[in-house]
Amino acid sequence: MAVSQIKIIKPGTLAIDGFESPESYVLAMKYLSGIGGGSTVSLIKSDATILVDTGYDYETDRSDDNIKKNRKNLLKALKFAGFTPKDIDMVYISHWHADHFMNYKIFSDSEIIVHDKIIERLNLDFTGVAEGEKIADGVEVLFTPGHTIDNTSLLLKTEPLRYMRRTNSGGMIWGIGKVNVVIAGDAIVSSACYATNTIWNHNGDFFSHDAAFESTKKIREVADFIIPGHGGIFTNTKEEKMSDQPS
């Protein structure tokens, strides 16, 4: 058995994207437009049901009102997709930033999984995993540091996927086959960062430009599709070589 289903439960947003400068008016306009910067929340069905990251918007706002609002929004998104917290066997946190982990307490019956290095660094009472470890059938841990010292991604190897719908021209899309999908955490922050070869380094605990570049290459080599830390799934253009390291 391999991965049979991948759903984006809640698409993430980003306060500063790959083509934008980190100026105050950009942040203010995004904020006023309702862009909270929460992570993308993905769901994997294999021999276990896994939620990847938990999507907390306006991460610096830890007020009771914002915590409650975030929990309500995630529960609503889960319900819309046909799931409840009790359906989730594991919650995988890609890295320890609030926009990726703050809603984890909703999942009191689920196993919380993070990389061993996060366990060691923060002394957390969760399940630790390491590079190459399989957390479910067809779901493998990739160590992809750079954005943080211990960011990780998940490589998903799917069963032959099938999808059918009529197009406007009257044709049909039927059958996708087996694909590799990488849920990248913030190793790839957004599709715009990927397209512009931009390393997102606006976080105070940014670890390494070199490591981030190598992690992006690592993902590029194995993924057919990529789910970034913020935003929706996109196709990996493998034929485009990363010849120049960004400054």
C-alpha atoms as a PDB file:
ATOM      1  CA  MET A   1       0.000   0.000   0.000  1.00  0.00           C
ATOM      2  CA  ALA A   2       1.160   3.532  -0.757  1.00  0.00           C
ATOM      3  CA  VAL A   3      -0.414   6.957  -0.446  1.00  0.00           C
ATOM      4  CA  SER A   4      -3.954   6.817  -1.820  1.00  0.00           C
ATOM      5  CA  GLN A   5      -5.122  10.360  -1.165  1.00  0.00           C
ATOM      6  CA  ILE A   6      -3.632  13.825  -0.694  1.00  0.00           C
ATOM      7  CA  LYS A   7      -5.817  16.786   0.233  1.00  0.00           C
ATOM      8  CA  ILE A   8      -4.981  20.396   0.935  1.00  0.00           C
ATOM      9  CA  ILE A   9      -7.238  21.066   3.897  1.00  0.00           C
ATOM     10  CA  LYS A  10      -6.368  24.741   4.232  1.00  0.00           C
ATOM     11  CA  PRO A  11      -4.169  26.662   1.760  1.00  0.00           C
ATOM     12  CA  GLY A  12      -1.581  28.829   3.477  1.00  0.00           C
ATOM     13  CA  THR A  13      -0.906  32.497   2.827  1.00  0.00           C
ATOM     14  CA  LEU A  14       2.300  34.533   2.937  1.00  0.00           C
ATOM     15  CA  ALA A  15       2.884  38.073   4.174  1.00  0.00           C
ATOM     16  CA  ILE A  16       5.990  38.517   2.001  1.00  0.00           C
ATOM     17  CA  ASP A  17       6.182  36.465  -1.189  1.00  0.00           C
ATOM     18  CA  GLY A  18       9.172  35.733  -3.401  1.00  0.00           C
ATOM     19  CA  PHE A  19       8.663  38.751  -5.651  1.00  0.00           C
ATOM     20  CA  GLU A  20       7.911  41.236  -2.828  1.00  0.00           C
ATOM     21  CA  SER A  21      10.137  43.408  -0.659  1.00  0.00           C
ATOM     22  CA  PRO A  22       9.749  43.199   3.147  1.00  0.00           C
ATOM     23  CA  GLU A  23       8.644  46.804   3.546  1.00  0.00           C
ATOM     24  CA  SER A  24       6.152  47.979   6.135  1.00  0.00           C
ATOM     25  CA  TYR A  25       3.541  49.087   3.596  1.00  0.00           C
ATOM     26  CA  VAL A  26       3.581  45.609   1.994  1.00  0.00           C
ATOM     27  CA  LEU A  27       3.011  43.950   5.357  1.00  0.00           C
ATOM     28  CA  ALA A  28       0.313  46.480   6.256  1.00  0.00           C
ATOM     29  CA  MET A  29      -1.561  46.015   2.986  1.00  0.00           C
ATOM     30  CA  LYS A  30      -1.454  42.232   3.323  1.00  0.00           C
ATOM     31  CA  TYR A  31      -2.676  42.470   6.927  1.00  0.00           C
ATOM     32  CA  LEU A  32      -5.539  44.808   5.995  1.00  0.00           C
ATOM     33  CA  SER A  33      -6.476  42.419   3.174  1.00  0.00           C
ATOM     34  CA  GLY A  34      -6.819  39.523   5.606  1.00  0.00           C
ATOM     35  CA  ILE A  35      -3.554  37.740   4.823  1.00  0.00           C
ATOM     36  CA  GLY A  36      -2.600  36.068   8.088  1.00  0.00           C
ATOM     37  CA  GLY A  37       0.445  34.142   6.907  1.00  0.00           C
ATOM     38  CA  GLY A  38      -0.680  30.737   8.185  1.00  0.00           C
ATOM     39  CA  SER A  39       0.865  27.565   6.793  1.00  0.00           C
ATOM     40  CA  THR A  40      -0.726  25.211   4.309  1.00  0.00           C
ATOM     41  CA  VAL A  41      -2.421  22.265   6.028  1.00  0.00           C
ATOM     42  CA  SER A  42      -2.286  18.970   4.108  1.00  0.00           C
ATOM     43  CA  LEU A  43      -3.847  15.579   4.730  1.00  0.00           C
ATOM     44  CA  ILE A  44      -2.403  12.219   3.674  1.00  0.00           C
ATOM     45  CA  LYS A  45      -4.257   8.910   3.512  1.00  0.00           C
ATOM     46  CA  SER A  46      -2.107   5.769   3.588  1.00  0.00           C
ATOM     47  CA  ASP A  47      -2.163   3.018   6.187  1.00  0.00           C
ATOM     48  CA  ALA A  48      -2.503   5.984   8.557  1.00  0.00           C
ATOM     49  CA  THR A  49      -4.269   9.330   8.255  1.00  0.00           C
ATOM     50  CA  ILE A  50      -1.726  12.132   8.662  1.00  0.00           C
ATOM     51  CA  LEU A  51      -2.171  15.889   8.961  1.00  0.00           C
ATOM     52  CA  VAL A  52       0.874  17.944   7.988  1.00  0.00           C
ATOM     53  CA  ASP A  53       1.201  21.294   9.809  1.00  0.00           C
ATOM     54  CA  THR A  54      -1.742  23.041  11.444  1.00  0.00           C
ATOM     55  CA  GLY A  55      -2.025  26.475   9.852  1.00  0.00           C
ATOM     56  CA  TYR A  56      -2.114  29.271  12.461  1.00  0.00           C
ATOM     57  CA  ASP A  57      -2.850  32.738  11.035  1.00  0.00           C
ATOM     58  CA  TYR A  58      -1.348  35.967  12.475  1.00  0.00           C
ATOM     59  CA  GLU A  59       1.286  34.011  14.385  1.00  0.00           C
ATOM     60  CA  THR A  60       2.425  36.906  16.602  1.00  0.00           C
ATOM     61  CA  ASP A  61      -1.135  37.285  17.924  1.00  0.00           C
ATOM     62  CA  ARG A  62      -1.430  34.781  20.785  1.00  0.00           C
ATOM     63  CA  SER A  63      -4.582  36.319  22.231  1.00  0.00           C
ATOM     64  CA  ASP A  64      -7.399  34.015  23.313  1.00  0.00           C
ATOM     65  CA  ASP A  65      -9.588  35.444  20.549  1.00  0.00           C
ATOM     66  CA  ASN A  66      -7.080  34.644  17.805  1.00  0.00           C
ATOM     67  CA  ILE A  67      -6.365  31.182  19.204  1.00  0.00           C
ATOM     68  CA  LYS A  68     -10.087  30.404  19.246  1.00  0.00           C
ATOM     69  CA  LYS A  69     -10.564  31.828  15.753  1.00  0.00           C
ATOM     70  CA  ASN A  70      -7.725  29.706  14.363  1.00  0.00           C
ATOM     71  CA  ARG A  71      -9.035  26.540  15.968  1.00  0.00           C
ATOM     72  CA  LYS A  72     -12.524  27.232  14.637  1.00  0.00           C
ATOM     73  CA  ASN A  73     -11.204  27.836  11.121  1.00  0.00           C
ATOM     74  CA  LEU A  74      -9.165  24.631  11.062  1.00  0.00           C
ATOM     75  CA  LEU A  75     -12.033  22.550  12.451  1.00  0.00           C
ATOM     76  CA  LYS A  76     -14.323  24.025   9.812  1.00  0.00           C
ATOM     77  CA  ALA A  77     -11.804  23.232   7.046  1.00  0.00           C
ATOM     78  CA  LEU A  78     -11.459  19.649   8.305  1.00  0.00           C
ATOM     79  CA  LYS A  79     -15.228  19.205   8.431  1.00  0.00           C
ATOM     80  CA  PHE A  80     -15.580  20.537   4.887  1.00  0.00           C
ATOM     81  CA  ALA A  81     -13.088  17.861   3.753  1.00  0.00           C
ATOM     82  CA  GLY A  82     -14.996  15.155   5.634  1.00  0.00           C
ATOM     83  CA  PHE A  83     -12.739  14.738   8.671  1.00  0.00           C
ATOM     84  CA  THR A  84     -12.715  15.403  12.401  1.00  0.00           C
ATOM     85  CA  PRO A  85      -9.704  15.570  14.763  1.00  0.00           C
ATOM     86  CA  LYS A  86     -10.465  12.017  15.899  1.00  0.00           C
ATOM     87  CA  ASP A  87      -9.880  10.781  12.323  1.00  0.00           C
ATOM     88  CA  ILE A  88      -6.261  11.985  12.420  1.00  0.00           C
ATOM     89  CA  ASP A  89      -3.762   9.316  13.494  1.00  0.00           C
ATOM     90  CA  MET A  90      -0.671  11.544  13.268  1.00  0.00           C
ATOM     91  CA  VAL A  91       0.069  15.249  13.109  1.00  0.00           C
ATOM     92  CA  TYR A  92       3.410  15.951  11.424  1.00  0.00           C
ATOM     93  CA  ILE A  93       4.975  19.356  12.121  1.00  0.00           C
ATOM     94  CA  SER A  94       7.547  20.362   9.495  1.00  0.00           C
ATOM     95  CA  HIS A  95       9.344  22.860  11.767  1.00  0.00           C
ATOM     96  CA  TRP A  96       8.736  24.708  14.996  1.00  0.00           C
ATOM     97  CA  HIS A  97       7.264  28.007  13.828  1.00  0.00           C
ATOM     98  CA  ALA A  98       3.933  29.074  15.286  1.00  0.00           C
ATOM     99  CA  ASP A  99       2.247  29.411  11.885  1.00  0.00           C
ATOM    100  CA  HIS A 100       2.924  25.693  11.386  1.00  0.00           C
ATOM    101  CA  PHE A 101       2.268  24.201  14.850  1.00  0.00           C
ATOM    102  CA  MET A 102       0.004  26.394  17.010  1.00  0.00           C
ATOM    103  CA  ASN A 103      -3.226  24.428  16.429  1.00  0.00           C
ATOM    104  CA  TYR A 104      -1.746  21.038  17.349  1.00  0.00           C
ATOM    105  CA  LYS A 105      -3.565  20.866  20.700  1.00  0.00           C
ATOM    106  CA  ILE A 106      -6.820  20.288  18.812  1.00  0.00           C
ATOM    107  CA  PHE A 107      -5.511  16.790  18.083  1.00  0.00           C
ATOM    108  CA  SER A 108      -5.314  15.420  21.619  1.00  0.00           C
ATOM    109  CA  ASP A 109      -5.788  11.814  20.460  1.00  0.00           C
ATOM    110  CA  SER A 110      -3.209  12.009  17.656  1.00  0.00           C
ATOM    111  CA  GLU A 111       0.491  11.199  17.680  1.00  0.00           C
ATOM    112  CA  ILE A 112       2.499  14.413  17.219  1.00  0.00           C
ATOM    113  CA  ILE A 113       5.627  13.879  15.130  1.00  0.00           C
ATOM    114  CA  VAL A 114       8.602  16.208  14.610  1.00  0.00           C
ATOM    115  CA  HIS A 115      12.242  15.769  13.676  1.00  0.00           C
ATOM    116  CA  ASP A 116      14.609  14.435  16.360  1.00  0.00           C
ATOM    117  CA  LYS A 117      16.560  17.692  16.300  1.00  0.00           C
ATOM    118  CA  ILE A 118      13.452  19.640  17.360  1.00  0.00           C
ATOM    119  CA  ILE A 119      12.876  17.182  20.217  1.00  0.00           C
ATOM    120  CA  GLU A 120      16.467  17.637  21.386  1.00  0.00           C
ATOM    121  CA  ARG A 121      16.539  21.410  20.970  1.00  0.00           C
ATOM    122  CA  LEU A 122      13.220  22.157  22.676  1.00  0.00           C
ATOM    123  CA  ASN A 123      12.843  19.100  24.934  1.00  0.00           C
ATOM    124  CA  LEU A 124       9.397  18.302  23.553  1.00  0.00           C
ATOM    125  CA  ASP A 125       7.423  15.233  24.547  1.00  0.00           C
ATOM    126  CA  PHE A 126       6.561  14.150  21.011  1.00  0.00           C
ATOM    127  CA  THR A 127       7.628  11.372  18.652  1.00  0.00           C
ATOM    128  CA  GLY A 128      10.952  12.094  16.951  1.00  0.00           C
ATOM    129  CA  VAL A 129      11.926  10.979  13.451  1.00  0.00           C
ATOM    130  CA  ALA A 130      15.046  11.257  11.298  1.00  0.00           C
ATOM    131  CA  GLU A 131      16.124  11.481   7.651  1.00  0.00           C
ATOM    132  CA  GLY A 132      14.831   8.585   5.548  1.00  0.00           C
ATOM    133  CA  GLU A 133      12.448   7.271   8.186  1.00  0.00           C
ATOM    134  CA  LYS A 134       9.026   6.101   7.022  1.00  0.00           C
ATOM    135  CA  ILE A 135       6.155   7.305   9.197  1.00  0.00           C
ATOM    136  CA  ALA A 136       3.562   5.434   7.110  1.00  0.00           C
ATOM    137  CA  ASP A 137       3.516   3.387   3.934  1.00  0.00           C
ATOM    138  CA  GLY A 138       4.719   5.621   1.112  1.00  0.00           C
ATOM    139  CA  VAL A 139       5.544   8.530   3.456  1.00  0.00           C
ATOM    140  CA  GLU A 140       9.247   9.258   4.020  1.00  0.00           C
ATOM    141  CA  VAL A 141      10.998  11.994   5.990  1.00  0.00           C
ATOM    142  CA  LEU A 142      13.377  14.311   4.132  1.00  0.00           C
ATOM    143  CA  PHE A 143      15.716  16.468   6.222  1.00  0.00           C
ATOM    144  CA  THR A 144      15.630  19.870   4.493  1.00  0.00           C
ATOM    145  CA  PRO A 145      17.294  22.512   6.706  1.00  0.00           C
ATOM    146  CA  GLY A 146      17.958  26.100   5.746  1.00  0.00           C
ATOM    147  CA  HIS A 147      14.805  28.022   6.568  1.00  0.00           C
ATOM    148  CA  THR A 148      15.418  26.700  10.077  1.00  0.00           C
ATOM    149  CA  ILE A 149      18.142  24.436  11.426  1.00  0.00           C
ATOM    150  CA  ASP A 150      15.732  21.498  11.520  1.00  0.00           C
ATOM    151  CA  ASN A 151      13.069  22.007   8.833  1.00  0.00           C
ATOM    152  CA  THR A 152      11.844  18.747   7.327  1.00  0.00           C
ATOM    153  CA  SER A 153       9.732  17.724   4.363  1.00  0.00           C
ATOM    154  CA  LEU A 154       7.754  14.585   3.513  1.00  0.00           C
ATOM    155  CA  LEU A 155       8.176  12.567   0.316  1.00  0.00           C
ATOM    156  CA  LEU A 156       4.913  10.874  -0.668  1.00  0.00           C
ATOM    157  CA  LYS A 157       4.894   7.964  -3.105  1.00  0.00           C
ATOM    158  CA  THR A 158       1.366   7.428  -4.361  1.00  0.00           C
ATOM    159  CA  GLU A 159      -0.671   4.578  -5.689  1.00  0.00           C
ATOM    160  CA  PRO A 160      -1.837   5.030  -9.302  1.00  0.00           C
ATOM    161  CA  LEU A 161      -4.195   7.982  -8.928  1.00  0.00           C
ATOM    162  CA  ARG A 162      -7.357   8.276 -11.005  1.00  0.00           C
ATOM    163  CA  TYR A 163      -9.374  11.330 -11.814  1.00  0.00           C
ATOM    164  CA  MET A 164     -12.044  11.909 -14.427  1.00  0.00           C
ATOM    165  CA  ARG A 165     -13.844  15.054 -15.553  1.00  0.00           C
ATOM    166  CA  ARG A 166     -15.101  16.509 -18.774  1.00  0.00           C
ATOM    167  CA  THR A 167     -13.238  19.533 -20.072  1.00  0.00           C
ATOM    168  CA  ASN A 168     -14.831  22.516 -21.812  1.00  0.00           C
ATOM    169  CA  SER A 169     -13.767  21.049 -25.147  1.00  0.00           C
ATOM    170  CA  GLY A 170     -15.592  17.812 -24.392  1.00  0.00           C
ATOM    171  CA  GLY A 171     -12.516  15.717 -23.627  1.00  0.00           C
ATOM    172  CA  MET A 172     -11.670  13.912 -20.419  1.00  0.00           C
ATOM    173  CA  ILE A 173      -8.800  13.761 -17.950  1.00  0.00           C
ATOM    174  CA  TRP A 174      -8.601  10.174 -16.745  1.00  0.00           C
ATOM    175  CA  GLY A 175      -5.737   8.634 -14.838  1.00  0.00           C
ATOM    176  CA  ILE A 176      -2.633  10.241 -13.386  1.00  0.00           C
ATOM    177  CA  GLY A 177      -0.480   7.244 -12.523  1.00  0.00           C
ATOM    178  CA  LYS A 178       2.013   6.995  -9.697  1.00  0.00           C
ATOM    179  CA  VAL A 179       3.565  10.306  -8.680  1.00  0.00           C
ATOM    180  CA  ASN A 180       5.969  11.613  -6.056  1.00  0.00           C
ATOM    181  CA  VAL A 181       4.704  14.577  -4.058  1.00  0.00           C
ATOM    182  CA  VAL A 182       6.877  16.509  -1.608  1.00  0.00           C
ATOM    183  CA  ILE A 183       5.214  18.434   1.202  1.00  0.00           C
ATOM    184  CA  ALA A 184       8.075  20.838   1.726  1.00  0.00           C
ATOM    185  CA  GLY A 185       7.332  22.808   4.861  1.00  0.00           C
ATOM    186  CA  ASP A 186       9.253  26.047   4.466  1.00  0.00           C
ATOM    187  CA  ALA A 187      12.122  24.444   2.579  1.00  0.00           C
ATOM    188  CA  ILE A 188      10.067  25.856  -0.302  1.00  0.00           C
ATOM    189  CA  VAL A 189       7.943  28.630   1.121  1.00  0.00           C
ATOM    190  CA  SER A 190       5.770  29.299  -1.938  1.00  0.00           C
ATOM    191  CA  SER A 191       5.480  28.594  -5.645  1.00  0.00           C
ATOM    192  CA  ALA A 192       6.640  32.169  -6.326  1.00  0.00           C
ATOM    193  CA  CYS A 193       9.813  31.608  -4.299  1.00  0.00           C
ATOM    194  CA  TYR A 194      10.433  28.404  -6.231  1.00  0.00           C
ATOM    195  CA  ALA A 195       9.795  30.046  -9.610  1.00  0.00           C
ATOM    196  CA  THR A 196      12.041  33.028  -8.841  1.00  0.00           C
ATOM    197  CA  ASN A 197      14.778  30.920  -7.200  1.00  0.00           C
ATOM    198  CA  THR A 198      14.294  32.930  -3.995  1.00  0.00           C
ATOM    199  CA  ILE A 199      15.353  31.698  -0.566  1.00  0.00           C
ATOM    200  CA  TRP A 200      12.915  33.099   2.021  1.00  0.00           C
ATOM    201  CA  ASN A 201      15.067  34.345   4.916  1.00  0.00           C
ATOM    202  CA  HIS A 202      12.903  36.872   6.762  1.00  0.00           C
ATOM    203  CA  ASN A 203      12.574  34.759   9.937  1.00  0.00           C
ATOM    204  CA  GLY A 204      14.849  35.603  12.863  1.00  0.00           C
ATOM    205  CA  ASP A 205      16.072  32.012  13.221  1.00  0.00           C
ATOM    206  CA  PHE A 206      16.961  31.576   9.554  1.00  0.00           C
ATOM    207  CA  PHE A 207      19.739  28.979   9.520  1.00  0.00           C
ATOM    208  CA  SER A 208      21.721  28.876   6.284  1.00  0.00           C
ATOM    209  CA  HIS A 209      21.469  30.108   2.717  1.00  0.00           C
ATOM    210  CA  ASP A 210      23.694  27.263   1.493  1.00  0.00           C
ATOM    211  CA  ALA A 211      21.646  24.629   3.323  1.00  0.00           C
ATOM    212  CA  ALA A 212      18.392  26.113   2.020  1.00  0.00           C
ATOM    213  CA  PHE A 213      19.696  26.002  -1.546  1.00  0.00           C
ATOM    214  CA  GLU A 214      20.775  22.351  -1.163  1.00  0.00           C
ATOM    215  CA  SER A 215      17.411  21.428   0.353  1.00  0.00           C
ATOM    216  CA  THR A 216      15.601  22.984  -2.619  1.00  0.00           C
ATOM    217  CA  LYS A 217      17.788  20.954  -4.995  1.00  0.00           C
ATOM    218  CA  LYS A 218      17.090  17.807  -2.971  1.00  0.00           C
ATOM    219  CA  ILE A 219      13.344  18.311  -3.339  1.00  0.00           C
ATOM    220  CA  ARG A 220      13.629  19.197  -7.026  1.00  0.00           C
ATOM    221  CA  GLU A 221      15.384  15.877  -7.732  1.00  0.00           C
ATOM    222  CA  VAL A 222      12.599  13.671  -6.337  1.00  0.00           C
ATOM    223  CA  ALA A 223       9.291  15.549  -6.685  1.00  0.00           C
ATOM    224  CA  ASP A 224       6.763  15.464  -9.485  1.00  0.00           C
ATOM    225  CA  PHE A 225       4.580  17.884  -7.535  1.00  0.00           C
ATOM    226  CA  ILE A 226       5.369  20.159  -4.582  1.00  0.00           C
ATOM    227  CA  ILE A 227       3.166  21.436  -1.776  1.00  0.00           C
ATOM    228  CA  PRO A 228       5.004  24.453  -0.316  1.00  0.00           C
ATOM    229  CA  GLY A 229       4.809  25.755   3.235  1.00  0.00           C
ATOM    230  CA  HIS A 230       2.379  28.432   2.052  1.00  0.00           C
ATOM    231  CA  GLY A 231       0.078  28.069  -0.956  1.00  0.00           C
ATOM    232  CA  GLY A 232      -1.204  25.275  -3.172  1.00  0.00           C
ATOM    233  CA  ILE A 233       0.308  22.341  -5.010  1.00  0.00           C
ATOM    234  CA  PHE A 234       2.295  22.984  -8.183  1.00  0.00           C
ATOM    235  CA  THR A 235       4.210  20.999 -10.804  1.00  0.00           C
ATOM    236  CA  ASN A 236       7.956  20.553 -10.377  1.00  0.00           C
ATOM    237  CA  THR A 237       9.732  21.687 -13.523  1.00  0.00           C
ATOM    238  CA  LYS A 238      12.653  19.280 -13.267  1.00  0.00           C
ATOM    239  CA  GLU A 239      14.130  20.282 -16.575  1.00  0.00           C
ATOM    240  CA  GLU A 240      14.996  23.737 -15.276  1.00  0.00           C
ATOM    241  CA  LYS A 241      18.409  23.453 -13.645  1.00  0.00           C
ATOM    242  CA  MET A 242      19.394  25.577 -10.678  1.00  0.00           C
ATOM    243  CA  SER A 243      22.675  26.746 -12.150  1.00  0.00           C
ATOM    244  CA  ASP A 244      23.193  29.823 -10.022  1.00  0.00           C
ATOM    245  CA  GLN A 245      22.983  29.932  -6.251  1.00  0.00           C
ATOM    246  CA  PRO A 246      20.892  32.906  -5.105  1.00  0.00           C
ATOM    247  CA  SER A 247      22.670  35.630  -3.187  1.00  0.00           C
END
